[in-house]
N, C-alpha and C. Protein backbone atom coordinates (compact mmCIF):
# COMPACT_ATOMS: atom_id res chain seq x y z
N MET A 1 89.98 83.46 81.08
CA MET A 1 88.82 82.63 80.82
C MET A 1 87.57 83.30 81.41
N ILE A 2 86.49 83.22 80.69
CA ILE A 2 85.23 83.78 81.14
C ILE A 2 84.60 82.84 82.15
N THR A 3 84.14 83.39 83.23
CA THR A 3 83.44 82.57 84.21
C THR A 3 81.95 82.85 84.10
N GLY A 4 81.19 82.09 84.84
CA GLY A 4 79.75 82.27 84.83
C GLY A 4 79.27 83.38 85.74
N VAL A 5 80.19 84.17 86.34
CA VAL A 5 79.79 85.21 87.27
C VAL A 5 80.04 86.57 86.64
N VAL A 6 79.01 87.43 86.66
CA VAL A 6 79.12 88.78 86.11
C VAL A 6 78.55 89.78 87.10
N PRO A 7 79.07 91.04 87.09
CA PRO A 7 78.51 92.05 87.98
C PRO A 7 77.19 92.60 87.45
N VAL A 8 76.21 92.75 88.32
CA VAL A 8 74.92 93.35 87.99
C VAL A 8 74.53 94.24 89.16
N ASN A 9 74.36 95.53 88.88
CA ASN A 9 74.00 96.49 89.92
C ASN A 9 74.91 96.40 91.15
N GLY A 10 76.20 96.28 90.92
CA GLY A 10 77.16 96.25 92.01
C GLY A 10 77.28 94.91 92.71
N GLU A 11 76.47 93.94 92.33
CA GLU A 11 76.53 92.61 92.92
C GLU A 11 76.93 91.61 91.83
N HIS A 12 77.45 90.49 92.25
CA HIS A 12 77.82 89.46 91.29
C HIS A 12 76.70 88.43 91.21
N ARG A 13 76.42 87.97 89.99
CA ARG A 13 75.44 86.92 89.80
C ARG A 13 75.99 85.93 88.79
N MET A 14 75.51 84.72 88.89
CA MET A 14 75.92 83.70 87.94
C MET A 14 75.14 83.90 86.64
N ARG A 15 75.81 83.69 85.52
CA ARG A 15 75.13 83.74 84.23
C ARG A 15 74.17 82.56 84.17
N SER A 16 73.09 82.76 83.46
CA SER A 16 72.07 81.71 83.38
C SER A 16 72.11 81.02 82.02
N VAL A 17 71.90 79.72 82.05
CA VAL A 17 71.92 78.90 80.84
C VAL A 17 70.66 78.04 80.82
N LEU A 18 69.98 78.05 79.68
CA LEU A 18 68.85 77.15 79.47
C LEU A 18 69.35 75.97 78.68
N VAL A 19 69.28 74.79 79.28
CA VAL A 19 69.66 73.54 78.63
C VAL A 19 68.39 72.83 78.18
N VAL A 20 68.31 72.52 76.88
CA VAL A 20 67.16 71.81 76.35
C VAL A 20 67.66 70.48 75.77
N GLU A 21 67.24 69.40 76.42
CA GLU A 21 67.70 68.05 76.08
C GLU A 21 66.59 67.07 76.42
N ASP A 22 66.23 66.21 75.47
CA ASP A 22 65.12 65.28 75.70
C ASP A 22 65.50 64.07 76.54
N ASN A 23 66.77 63.69 76.53
CA ASN A 23 67.21 62.52 77.29
C ASN A 23 67.43 62.90 78.75
N PRO A 24 66.66 62.29 79.68
CA PRO A 24 66.76 62.69 81.11
C PRO A 24 68.16 62.52 81.69
N ALA A 25 68.85 61.44 81.34
CA ALA A 25 70.19 61.21 81.88
C ALA A 25 71.17 62.26 81.36
N MET A 26 71.09 62.58 80.08
CA MET A 26 71.99 63.59 79.50
C MET A 26 71.66 64.98 80.05
N ARG A 27 70.38 65.27 80.22
CA ARG A 27 69.95 66.55 80.80
C ARG A 27 70.52 66.71 82.20
N SER A 28 70.43 65.67 83.00
CA SER A 28 70.96 65.69 84.37
C SER A 28 72.47 65.85 84.36
N LEU A 29 73.15 65.14 83.47
CA LEU A 29 74.60 65.22 83.38
C LEU A 29 75.04 66.63 83.00
N MET A 30 74.37 67.22 82.02
CA MET A 30 74.74 68.57 81.59
C MET A 30 74.53 69.57 82.71
N LYS A 31 73.47 69.42 83.45
CA LYS A 31 73.21 70.32 84.58
C LYS A 31 74.30 70.17 85.64
N ARG A 32 74.67 68.94 85.95
CA ARG A 32 75.74 68.71 86.94
C ARG A 32 77.06 69.30 86.46
N MET A 33 77.35 69.18 85.17
CA MET A 33 78.60 69.70 84.62
C MET A 33 78.69 71.22 84.70
N LEU A 34 77.55 71.88 84.61
CA LEU A 34 77.53 73.34 84.52
C LEU A 34 77.19 74.06 85.81
N LYS A 35 76.58 73.38 86.77
CA LYS A 35 75.99 74.07 87.92
C LYS A 35 77.00 74.78 88.82
N THR A 36 78.26 74.43 88.77
CA THR A 36 79.25 75.12 89.61
C THR A 36 79.61 76.49 89.05
N ALA A 37 79.38 76.71 87.76
CA ALA A 37 79.76 77.97 87.14
C ALA A 37 78.58 78.77 86.61
N TYR A 38 77.44 78.12 86.44
CA TYR A 38 76.27 78.78 85.84
C TYR A 38 75.01 78.45 86.62
N GLU A 39 74.05 79.33 86.52
CA GLU A 39 72.71 79.04 87.01
C GLU A 39 72.02 78.30 85.86
N VAL A 40 71.69 77.04 86.07
CA VAL A 40 71.21 76.18 85.00
C VAL A 40 69.74 75.81 85.20
N GLU A 41 68.97 76.02 84.16
CA GLU A 41 67.58 75.56 84.11
C GLU A 41 67.51 74.58 82.95
N THR A 42 66.66 73.55 83.09
CA THR A 42 66.56 72.56 82.03
C THR A 42 65.12 72.41 81.54
N ALA A 43 65.01 72.02 80.28
CA ALA A 43 63.73 71.72 79.66
C ALA A 43 63.92 70.47 78.81
N SER A 44 62.83 69.71 78.65
CA SER A 44 62.92 68.46 77.91
C SER A 44 62.33 68.54 76.50
N CYS A 45 61.63 69.64 76.20
CA CYS A 45 60.99 69.74 74.88
C CYS A 45 60.85 71.21 74.48
N VAL A 46 60.45 71.41 73.24
CA VAL A 46 60.31 72.75 72.69
C VAL A 46 59.30 73.58 73.47
N ASP A 47 58.12 73.02 73.73
CA ASP A 47 57.08 73.78 74.43
C ASP A 47 57.52 74.23 75.82
N GLU A 48 58.16 73.33 76.55
CA GLU A 48 58.64 73.67 77.90
C GLU A 48 59.71 74.76 77.83
N ALA A 49 60.61 74.65 76.87
CA ALA A 49 61.66 75.65 76.71
C ALA A 49 61.08 77.02 76.35
N LEU A 50 60.08 77.05 75.49
CA LEU A 50 59.45 78.32 75.12
C LEU A 50 58.77 78.97 76.32
N ARG A 51 58.09 78.16 77.13
CA ARG A 51 57.46 78.70 78.35
C ARG A 51 58.50 79.31 79.28
N MET A 52 59.59 78.60 79.47
CA MET A 52 60.64 79.08 80.37
C MET A 52 61.28 80.36 79.82
N ALA A 53 61.49 80.42 78.51
CA ALA A 53 62.10 81.60 77.89
C ALA A 53 61.18 82.81 77.98
N GLN A 54 59.88 82.59 78.01
CA GLN A 54 58.94 83.70 78.15
C GLN A 54 58.90 84.22 79.58
N GLU A 55 59.24 83.37 80.53
CA GLU A 55 59.21 83.75 81.94
C GLU A 55 60.46 84.47 82.40
N ARG A 56 61.59 84.19 81.77
CA ARG A 56 62.84 84.84 82.16
C ARG A 56 63.81 84.88 80.99
N LEU A 57 64.76 85.78 81.10
CA LEU A 57 65.77 85.93 80.07
C LEU A 57 67.04 85.18 80.48
N PHE A 58 67.46 84.24 79.65
CA PHE A 58 68.67 83.48 79.91
C PHE A 58 69.84 84.15 79.18
N ASP A 59 71.04 83.98 79.73
CA ASP A 59 72.24 84.56 79.12
C ASP A 59 72.76 83.73 77.96
N ALA A 60 72.47 82.42 77.96
CA ALA A 60 72.92 81.54 76.89
C ALA A 60 71.96 80.35 76.78
N LEU A 61 71.98 79.73 75.60
CA LEU A 61 71.14 78.57 75.32
C LEU A 61 72.03 77.41 74.92
N LEU A 62 71.73 76.23 75.43
CA LEU A 62 72.43 75.01 75.07
C LEU A 62 71.35 74.03 74.60
N LEU A 63 71.25 73.84 73.28
CA LEU A 63 70.13 73.12 72.71
C LEU A 63 70.56 71.84 72.00
N ASP A 64 69.94 70.74 72.39
CA ASP A 64 70.10 69.48 71.67
C ASP A 64 69.43 69.66 70.31
N ILE A 65 70.03 69.13 69.27
CA ILE A 65 69.46 69.27 67.93
C ILE A 65 68.27 68.32 67.74
N HIS A 66 68.44 67.08 68.15
CA HIS A 66 67.38 66.08 67.97
C HIS A 66 66.68 65.85 69.31
N LEU A 67 65.49 66.42 69.43
CA LEU A 67 64.78 66.41 70.70
C LEU A 67 63.78 65.27 70.83
N GLY A 68 63.77 64.32 69.94
CA GLY A 68 62.88 63.17 70.06
C GLY A 68 61.42 63.50 69.82
N GLU A 69 61.16 64.59 69.15
CA GLU A 69 59.79 64.97 68.80
C GLU A 69 59.83 65.50 67.37
N THR A 70 58.70 65.94 66.88
CA THR A 70 58.69 66.42 65.49
C THR A 70 59.50 67.70 65.32
N ARG A 71 59.57 68.52 66.37
CA ARG A 71 60.36 69.75 66.29
C ARG A 71 61.76 69.50 66.85
N THR A 72 62.71 70.20 66.29
CA THR A 72 64.12 70.02 66.64
C THR A 72 64.65 71.22 67.42
N GLY A 73 65.90 71.10 67.82
CA GLY A 73 66.57 72.24 68.44
C GLY A 73 66.72 73.40 67.48
N ILE A 74 66.83 73.11 66.19
CA ILE A 74 66.89 74.17 65.18
C ILE A 74 65.55 74.90 65.12
N ASP A 75 64.45 74.14 65.15
CA ASP A 75 63.12 74.76 65.19
C ASP A 75 62.98 75.64 66.42
N LEU A 76 63.44 75.13 67.56
CA LEU A 76 63.36 75.90 68.81
C LEU A 76 64.16 77.20 68.68
N LEU A 77 65.36 77.12 68.15
CA LEU A 77 66.17 78.32 68.00
C LEU A 77 65.46 79.35 67.11
N GLN A 78 64.85 78.89 66.03
CA GLN A 78 64.13 79.82 65.14
C GLN A 78 62.95 80.46 65.87
N LEU A 79 62.24 79.71 66.69
CA LEU A 79 61.13 80.28 67.47
C LEU A 79 61.64 81.28 68.51
N LEU A 80 62.75 80.96 69.16
CA LEU A 80 63.32 81.87 70.15
C LEU A 80 63.82 83.15 69.49
N ARG A 81 64.40 83.05 68.31
CA ARG A 81 64.92 84.23 67.60
C ARG A 81 63.80 85.19 67.19
N GLN A 82 62.57 84.71 67.15
CA GLN A 82 61.43 85.58 66.85
C GLN A 82 61.06 86.45 68.05
N MET A 83 61.52 86.06 69.23
CA MET A 83 61.27 86.84 70.45
C MET A 83 62.36 87.92 70.54
N PRO A 84 61.97 89.21 70.61
CA PRO A 84 62.97 90.28 70.62
C PRO A 84 64.10 90.08 71.65
N ALA A 85 63.79 89.62 72.83
CA ALA A 85 64.81 89.45 73.87
C ALA A 85 65.81 88.35 73.53
N TYR A 86 65.46 87.45 72.62
CA TYR A 86 66.32 86.31 72.31
C TYR A 86 66.96 86.38 70.93
N ARG A 87 66.84 87.50 70.25
CA ARG A 87 67.39 87.61 68.90
C ARG A 87 68.89 87.40 68.85
N GLU A 88 69.58 87.82 69.89
CA GLU A 88 71.05 87.73 69.89
C GLU A 88 71.62 86.94 71.06
N VAL A 89 70.78 86.25 71.81
CA VAL A 89 71.29 85.44 72.93
C VAL A 89 72.13 84.30 72.34
N PRO A 90 73.35 84.12 72.81
CA PRO A 90 74.21 83.08 72.26
C PRO A 90 73.60 81.69 72.43
N ALA A 91 73.73 80.87 71.38
CA ALA A 91 73.17 79.52 71.39
C ALA A 91 74.22 78.52 70.97
N VAL A 92 74.32 77.43 71.73
CA VAL A 92 75.25 76.35 71.44
C VAL A 92 74.43 75.13 71.04
N ALA A 93 74.74 74.56 69.87
CA ALA A 93 74.10 73.33 69.41
C ALA A 93 74.82 72.14 70.02
N CYS A 94 74.06 71.13 70.37
CA CYS A 94 74.62 69.94 70.98
C CYS A 94 74.01 68.73 70.27
N THR A 95 74.85 67.87 69.69
CA THR A 95 74.32 66.73 68.97
C THR A 95 75.28 65.55 68.98
N ALA A 96 74.72 64.36 68.82
CA ALA A 96 75.53 63.14 68.74
C ALA A 96 75.89 62.81 67.30
N TYR A 97 75.32 63.55 66.36
CA TYR A 97 75.59 63.29 64.94
C TYR A 97 76.87 63.98 64.53
N MET A 98 77.84 63.19 64.10
CA MET A 98 79.16 63.72 63.75
C MET A 98 79.10 64.57 62.50
N GLY A 99 79.96 65.58 62.46
CA GLY A 99 80.13 66.39 61.26
C GLY A 99 79.00 67.35 60.96
N LYS A 100 78.25 67.76 61.95
CA LYS A 100 77.12 68.67 61.74
C LYS A 100 77.44 70.11 62.12
N ARG A 101 78.70 70.40 62.38
CA ARG A 101 79.09 71.74 62.82
C ARG A 101 78.66 72.81 61.81
N ALA A 102 79.00 72.62 60.54
CA ALA A 102 78.68 73.62 59.52
C ALA A 102 77.18 73.86 59.41
N SER A 103 76.39 72.79 59.43
CA SER A 103 74.95 72.97 59.30
C SER A 103 74.35 73.63 60.55
N ALA A 104 74.92 73.36 61.72
CA ALA A 104 74.44 74.00 62.95
C ALA A 104 74.74 75.49 62.93
N LEU A 105 75.94 75.86 62.51
CA LEU A 105 76.30 77.26 62.44
C LEU A 105 75.47 77.98 61.37
N GLU A 106 75.24 77.31 60.27
CA GLU A 106 74.41 77.87 59.20
C GLU A 106 72.96 78.08 59.67
N ALA A 107 72.49 77.22 60.57
CA ALA A 107 71.12 77.32 61.10
C ALA A 107 70.98 78.44 62.12
N GLY A 108 72.10 79.07 62.51
CA GLY A 108 72.01 80.21 63.41
C GLY A 108 72.64 80.01 64.78
N PHE A 109 73.21 78.82 65.03
CA PHE A 109 73.89 78.59 66.30
C PHE A 109 75.23 79.31 66.29
N ASP A 110 75.69 79.71 67.47
CA ASP A 110 76.96 80.42 67.60
C ASP A 110 78.13 79.47 67.85
N GLU A 111 77.82 78.28 68.31
CA GLU A 111 78.86 77.29 68.63
C GLU A 111 78.24 75.91 68.54
N TYR A 112 79.08 74.90 68.53
CA TYR A 112 78.66 73.53 68.33
C TYR A 112 79.49 72.62 69.23
N VAL A 113 78.81 71.70 69.93
CA VAL A 113 79.50 70.71 70.76
C VAL A 113 78.97 69.34 70.35
N GLU A 114 79.90 68.45 70.08
CA GLU A 114 79.53 67.10 69.64
C GLU A 114 79.56 66.13 70.81
N LYS A 115 78.49 65.35 70.94
CA LYS A 115 78.42 64.31 71.98
C LYS A 115 79.21 63.10 71.49
N PRO A 116 79.91 62.41 72.37
CA PRO A 116 80.09 62.74 73.79
C PRO A 116 81.09 63.87 73.94
N PHE A 117 80.90 64.69 74.96
CA PHE A 117 81.77 65.82 75.23
C PHE A 117 82.22 65.74 76.68
N THR A 118 83.27 66.49 76.96
CA THR A 118 83.77 66.56 78.33
C THR A 118 83.22 67.82 79.00
N LYS A 119 83.36 67.87 80.30
CA LYS A 119 82.95 69.06 81.05
C LYS A 119 83.73 70.28 80.55
N THR A 120 85.00 70.10 80.30
CA THR A 120 85.84 71.19 79.80
C THR A 120 85.35 71.69 78.45
N GLN A 121 85.01 70.78 77.54
CA GLN A 121 84.52 71.19 76.22
C GLN A 121 83.23 71.99 76.34
N LEU A 122 82.34 71.57 77.23
CA LEU A 122 81.08 72.27 77.42
C LEU A 122 81.32 73.68 77.98
N HIS A 123 82.17 73.77 78.99
CA HIS A 123 82.48 75.07 79.59
C HIS A 123 83.19 75.99 78.58
N GLU A 124 84.10 75.44 77.81
CA GLU A 124 84.82 76.25 76.82
C GLU A 124 83.88 76.78 75.75
N ALA A 125 82.93 75.96 75.30
CA ALA A 125 81.97 76.41 74.28
C ALA A 125 81.12 77.56 74.81
N LEU A 126 80.64 77.43 76.04
CA LEU A 126 79.84 78.51 76.63
C LEU A 126 80.69 79.76 76.85
N ALA A 127 81.92 79.58 77.30
CA ALA A 127 82.80 80.73 77.51
C ALA A 127 83.05 81.47 76.20
N ARG A 128 83.25 80.73 75.12
CA ARG A 128 83.48 81.37 73.81
C ARG A 128 82.28 82.20 73.37
N VAL A 129 81.08 81.64 73.48
CA VAL A 129 79.91 82.39 72.99
C VAL A 129 79.57 83.55 73.91
N LEU A 130 79.81 83.39 75.19
CA LEU A 130 79.50 84.49 76.12
C LEU A 130 80.53 85.61 76.01
N SER A 131 81.77 85.27 75.73
CA SER A 131 82.80 86.32 75.62
C SER A 131 82.73 87.03 74.28
N SER A 132 82.21 86.37 73.25
CA SER A 132 82.18 86.98 71.92
C SER A 132 80.80 87.53 71.58
N SER A 133 79.89 87.51 72.53
CA SER A 133 78.55 88.02 72.27
C SER A 133 78.63 89.48 71.86
N ARG A 134 77.91 89.82 70.79
CA ARG A 134 77.97 91.17 70.24
C ARG A 134 77.08 92.15 70.98
N ARG A 135 76.40 91.70 71.99
CA ARG A 135 75.54 92.61 72.71
C ARG A 135 75.47 92.23 74.17
N LEU A 136 75.07 93.18 74.97
CA LEU A 136 74.92 92.96 76.40
C LEU A 136 73.46 92.99 76.75
N VAL A 137 73.07 92.16 77.70
CA VAL A 137 71.68 92.16 78.14
C VAL A 137 71.63 92.70 79.56
N ALA A 138 70.86 93.75 79.75
CA ALA A 138 70.61 94.26 81.09
C ALA A 138 69.47 93.41 81.64
N ARG A 139 69.82 92.45 82.47
CA ARG A 139 68.87 91.43 82.91
C ARG A 139 67.62 92.04 83.54
N ASP A 140 67.81 93.04 84.35
CA ASP A 140 66.67 93.62 85.06
C ASP A 140 65.71 94.34 84.13
N GLU A 141 66.22 94.86 83.03
CA GLU A 141 65.40 95.66 82.13
C GLU A 141 64.98 94.90 80.88
N ARG A 142 65.58 93.74 80.63
CA ARG A 142 65.32 92.97 79.41
C ARG A 142 65.49 93.83 78.16
N ARG A 143 66.58 94.58 78.14
CA ARG A 143 66.87 95.44 77.00
C ARG A 143 68.12 94.94 76.32
N THR A 144 68.25 95.25 75.05
CA THR A 144 69.40 94.82 74.26
C THR A 144 70.18 96.05 73.82
N TRP A 145 71.49 95.93 73.89
CA TRP A 145 72.38 96.96 73.41
C TRP A 145 73.23 96.34 72.33
N ALA A 146 73.23 96.91 71.13
CA ALA A 146 74.04 96.39 70.03
C ALA A 146 75.05 97.46 69.61
N PRO A 147 76.34 97.17 69.72
CA PRO A 147 77.34 98.18 69.35
C PRO A 147 77.39 98.38 67.85
N ASP A 148 77.78 99.57 67.44
CA ASP A 148 78.00 99.86 66.03
C ASP A 148 79.25 99.10 65.60
N ARG A 149 79.09 98.24 64.62
CA ARG A 149 80.22 97.41 64.17
C ARG A 149 81.35 98.23 63.58
N HIS A 150 81.05 99.44 63.10
CA HIS A 150 82.07 100.23 62.42
C HIS A 150 82.75 101.23 63.34
N ALA A 151 82.26 101.36 64.54
CA ALA A 151 82.86 102.31 65.48
C ALA A 151 83.82 101.59 66.40
N ASN A 152 84.77 102.31 66.89
CA ASN A 152 85.67 101.77 67.91
C ASN A 152 84.97 101.96 69.24
N THR A 153 84.16 100.99 69.62
CA THR A 153 83.29 101.12 70.78
C THR A 153 83.88 100.38 71.97
N ARG A 154 83.85 101.06 73.09
CA ARG A 154 84.31 100.45 74.33
C ARG A 154 83.27 100.65 75.40
N ILE A 155 83.21 99.71 76.29
CA ILE A 155 82.33 99.86 77.45
C ILE A 155 83.21 100.30 78.60
N ALA A 156 82.88 101.43 79.16
CA ALA A 156 83.64 101.95 80.29
C ALA A 156 83.36 101.11 81.52
N GLU A 157 84.35 100.96 82.34
CA GLU A 157 84.17 100.23 83.59
C GLU A 157 83.25 101.03 84.51
N GLY A 158 82.37 100.36 85.18
CA GLY A 158 81.46 101.04 86.09
C GLY A 158 80.68 100.03 86.90
N THR A 159 79.88 100.51 87.81
CA THR A 159 79.10 99.61 88.65
C THR A 159 77.67 99.49 88.18
N SER A 160 77.27 100.27 87.22
CA SER A 160 75.89 100.22 86.73
C SER A 160 75.69 99.00 85.85
N SER A 161 74.47 98.45 85.85
CA SER A 161 74.18 97.32 84.97
C SER A 161 74.02 97.79 83.53
N ARG A 162 73.79 99.10 83.33
CA ARG A 162 73.70 99.64 81.99
C ARG A 162 75.06 100.20 81.63
N PRO A 163 75.67 99.74 80.54
CA PRO A 163 77.01 100.18 80.20
C PRO A 163 77.04 101.62 79.70
N GLU A 164 78.13 102.29 80.03
CA GLU A 164 78.40 103.59 79.44
C GLU A 164 79.13 103.32 78.15
N ILE A 165 78.71 103.93 77.08
CA ILE A 165 79.30 103.64 75.78
C ILE A 165 80.10 104.84 75.33
N ARG A 166 81.34 104.57 74.91
CA ARG A 166 82.18 105.65 74.41
C ARG A 166 82.62 105.26 73.01
N ASN A 167 82.44 106.15 72.06
CA ASN A 167 82.95 105.96 70.70
C ASN A 167 84.13 106.91 70.52
N ASP A 168 85.29 106.34 70.36
CA ASP A 168 86.50 107.14 70.19
C ASP A 168 86.82 107.21 68.70
N HIS A 169 86.70 108.38 68.13
CA HIS A 169 87.02 108.57 66.72
C HIS A 169 88.22 109.50 66.63
N VAL A 170 89.19 109.11 65.85
CA VAL A 170 90.40 109.93 65.69
C VAL A 170 90.24 110.81 64.48
């Protein structure tokens, strides 16, 4: 199972998650559910989330679909995807509306969690998107590395925050 702790420059740090939820009680609950495994920051609206995303790079996004304003979590995801650093950051949709998984995935989310959810379901969704992320983010450099989908690419074990890439062709 993937945990929220990853090595960076020889030290371990918790992965960071931006939770965007308009309901204060749900926002607080989600933060409590995640804080033991992740560094969690919360925002209540699109504008606040955009400001926070411009100030730092998060490892994953957990976005409520219906934010109680004219703009939605889908709108927020589209705005974040326009920022180069956030083009491939994994995003989990969170909604109380049943049966919206297909539309959330079609809108660009990597995973979907339906409210009400358990702590385990929330952690499993984040673990899935973080473990299957197609790219690595060097947090200190805000750079993106995208592997060639057609190559047999492996990341060599090392202590550097920048991965050594080996393409083994037979």
